Amino acid sequence: MAEETLTDGAITARYFETDAERILSFQGNDGSAAIAQNLDGYAMVKVRPSPDGDELERYYGFDMALDHAAELLGVEPSALPIPDPAQDMGM
């Protein structure tokens, strides 16, 4: 299982895999957000308030999911660090 953590400024990103999903979680001073996709990597990505939280929205594109995650954290999308294993998330 791949796992990687990356911190840039006030945001820490953690990529990890469960038995069913790839998850990119973010933790910042003003909250948390997570983006999840099935392990096969072909489904829409889901935005959640936390890795195990309820789904808030689904997106085809990773960029749109990052925009939503950044909104939850109160930062610009460009402030979100993206670990290498998460670069290919989204359809």
C-alpha atoms as a PDB file:
ATOM      1  CA  MET A   1       0.000   0.000   0.000  1.00  0.00           C
ATOM      2  CA  ALA A   2       1.268   3.419  -0.949  1.00  0.00           C
ATOM      3  CA  GLU A   3       1.322   6.118   1.690  1.00  0.00           C
ATOM      4  CA  GLU A   4       2.865   9.567   1.559  1.00  0.00           C
ATOM      5  CA  THR A   5       2.574  12.746   3.613  1.00  0.00           C
ATOM      6  CA  LEU A   6       3.476  16.201   2.338  1.00  0.00           C
ATOM      7  CA  THR A   7       3.295  19.538   4.183  1.00  0.00           C
ATOM      8  CA  ASP A   8       3.336  22.934   2.520  1.00  0.00           C
ATOM      9  CA  GLY A   9       2.741  25.946   4.726  1.00  0.00           C
ATOM     10  CA  ALA A  10      -0.241  25.365   7.002  1.00  0.00           C
ATOM     11  CA  ILE A  11      -1.654  22.410   5.008  1.00  0.00           C
ATOM     12  CA  THR A  12      -0.642  18.783   5.435  1.00  0.00           C
ATOM     13  CA  ALA A  13      -1.718  16.291   2.777  1.00  0.00           C
ATOM     14  CA  ARG A  14      -1.733  12.554   3.382  1.00  0.00           C
ATOM     15  CA  TYR A  15      -2.267  10.009   0.611  1.00  0.00           C
ATOM     16  CA  PHE A  16      -3.093   6.454   1.621  1.00  0.00           C
ATOM     17  CA  GLU A  17      -5.014   3.430   0.420  1.00  0.00           C
ATOM     18  CA  THR A  18      -7.593   1.307   2.185  1.00  0.00           C
ATOM     19  CA  ASP A  19      -8.966  -2.049   1.052  1.00  0.00           C
ATOM     20  CA  ALA A  20     -11.460  -0.216  -1.183  1.00  0.00           C
ATOM     21  CA  GLU A  21     -10.255   3.358  -1.813  1.00  0.00           C
ATOM     22  CA  ARG A  22      -7.437   5.734  -2.554  1.00  0.00           C
ATOM     23  CA  ILE A  23      -7.695   8.699  -0.179  1.00  0.00           C
ATOM     24  CA  LEU A  24      -6.058  12.102  -0.214  1.00  0.00           C
ATOM     25  CA  SER A  25      -6.743  13.907   3.047  1.00  0.00           C
ATOM     26  CA  PHE A  26      -5.893  17.473   3.956  1.00  0.00           C
ATOM     27  CA  GLN A  27      -5.511  19.001   7.398  1.00  0.00           C
ATOM     28  CA  GLY A  28      -5.188  22.727   7.912  1.00  0.00           C
ATOM     29  CA  ASN A  29      -5.567  25.289  10.653  1.00  0.00           C
ATOM     30  CA  ASP A  30      -9.212  25.846   9.728  1.00  0.00           C
ATOM     31  CA  GLY A  31     -10.403  22.280   9.184  1.00  0.00           C
ATOM     32  CA  SER A  32     -10.006  19.171   7.110  1.00  0.00           C
ATOM     33  CA  ALA A  33     -11.098  17.731   3.779  1.00  0.00           C
ATOM     34  CA  ALA A  34     -10.626  14.466   1.918  1.00  0.00           C
ATOM     35  CA  ILE A  35     -10.853  13.243  -1.658  1.00  0.00           C
ATOM     36  CA  ALA A  36     -11.543   9.545  -2.248  1.00  0.00           C
ATOM     37  CA  GLN A  37     -11.577   7.321  -5.331  1.00  0.00           C
ATOM     38  CA  ASN A  38     -11.992   3.588  -5.782  1.00  0.00           C
ATOM     39  CA  LEU A  39      -8.788   1.531  -5.944  1.00  0.00           C
ATOM     40  CA  ASP A  40      -9.197   0.881  -9.657  1.00  0.00           C
ATOM     41  CA  GLY A  41      -8.864   4.614 -10.219  1.00  0.00           C
ATOM     42  CA  TYR A  42     -11.576   4.985 -12.844  1.00  0.00           C
ATOM     43  CA  ALA A  43     -14.556   6.260 -10.839  1.00  0.00           C
ATOM     44  CA  MET A  44     -15.584   9.773  -9.925  1.00  0.00           C
ATOM     45  CA  VAL A  45     -13.788  11.279  -6.943  1.00  0.00           C
ATOM     46  CA  LYS A  46     -15.739  12.019  -3.768  1.00  0.00           C
ATOM     47  CA  VAL A  47     -15.163  15.008  -1.509  1.00  0.00           C
ATOM     48  CA  ARG A  48     -15.697  14.487   2.208  1.00  0.00           C
ATOM     49  CA  PRO A  49     -15.059  16.637   5.282  1.00  0.00           C
ATOM     50  CA  SER A  50     -12.687  13.904   6.549  1.00  0.00           C
ATOM     51  CA  PRO A  51     -11.417  10.528   5.276  1.00  0.00           C
ATOM     52  CA  ASP A  52     -14.248   8.658   7.001  1.00  0.00           C
ATOM     53  CA  GLY A  53     -16.864  11.430   6.733  1.00  0.00           C
ATOM     54  CA  ASP A  54     -20.048  11.464   4.682  1.00  0.00           C
ATOM     55  CA  GLU A  55     -19.754  12.264   1.000  1.00  0.00           C
ATOM     56  CA  LEU A  56     -20.439  15.930   0.203  1.00  0.00           C
ATOM     57  CA  GLU A  57     -20.113  15.848  -3.601  1.00  0.00           C
ATOM     58  CA  ARG A  58     -18.765  13.781  -6.530  1.00  0.00           C
ATOM     59  CA  TYR A  59     -16.662  15.096  -9.389  1.00  0.00           C
ATOM     60  CA  TYR A  60     -15.252  13.673 -12.613  1.00  0.00           C
ATOM     61  CA  GLY A  61     -12.220  15.913 -12.454  1.00  0.00           C
ATOM     62  CA  PHE A  62      -9.554  16.034  -9.784  1.00  0.00           C
ATOM     63  CA  ASP A  63      -9.237  19.823 -10.214  1.00  0.00           C
ATOM     64  CA  MET A  64     -12.892  20.353  -9.336  1.00  0.00           C
ATOM     65  CA  ALA A  65     -12.520  18.137  -6.260  1.00  0.00           C
ATOM     66  CA  LEU A  66      -9.425  20.101  -5.225  1.00  0.00           C
ATOM     67  CA  ASP A  67     -11.389  23.360  -5.577  1.00  0.00           C
ATOM     68  CA  HIS A  68     -14.059  22.002  -3.217  1.00  0.00           C
ATOM     69  CA  ALA A  69     -11.471  20.696  -0.730  1.00  0.00           C
ATOM     70  CA  ALA A  70      -9.719  24.068  -0.731  1.00  0.00           C
ATOM     71  CA  GLU A  71     -13.043  25.790  -0.080  1.00  0.00           C
ATOM     72  CA  LEU A  72     -13.609  23.546   2.944  1.00  0.00           C
ATOM     73  CA  LEU A  73     -10.162  24.503   4.242  1.00  0.00           C
ATOM     74  CA  GLY A  74     -10.541  28.207   3.491  1.00  0.00           C
ATOM     75  CA  VAL A  75      -7.521  28.355   1.166  1.00  0.00           C
ATOM     76  CA  GLU A  76      -6.817  28.692  -2.544  1.00  0.00           C
ATOM     77  CA  PRO A  77      -6.529  25.390  -4.468  1.00  0.00           C
ATOM     78  CA  SER A  78      -2.899  26.229  -5.276  1.00  0.00           C
ATOM     79  CA  ALA A  79      -2.138  26.047  -1.524  1.00  0.00           C
ATOM     80  CA  LEU A  80      -2.938  22.322  -1.406  1.00  0.00           C
ATOM     81  CA  PRO A  81       0.144  20.100  -1.544  1.00  0.00           C
ATOM     82  CA  ILE A  82      -0.406  16.980  -3.681  1.00  0.00           C
ATOM     83  CA  PRO A  83       1.739  13.910  -2.892  1.00  0.00           C
ATOM     84  CA  ASP A  84       3.029  12.135  -6.018  1.00  0.00           C
ATOM     85  CA  PRO A  85       0.850   8.997  -5.698  1.00  0.00           C
ATOM     86  CA  ALA A  86      -2.288  11.203  -5.763  1.00  0.00           C
ATOM     87  CA  GLN A  87      -1.387  13.119  -8.937  1.00  0.00           C
ATOM     88  CA  ASP A  88      -3.476  10.833 -11.177  1.00  0.00           C
ATOM     89  CA  MET A  89      -6.718  10.851  -9.192  1.00  0.00           C
ATOM     90  CA  GLY A  90      -9.923  11.682 -11.099  1.00  0.00           C
ATOM     91  CA  MET A  91     -11.150  10.480 -14.460  1.00  0.00           C
END
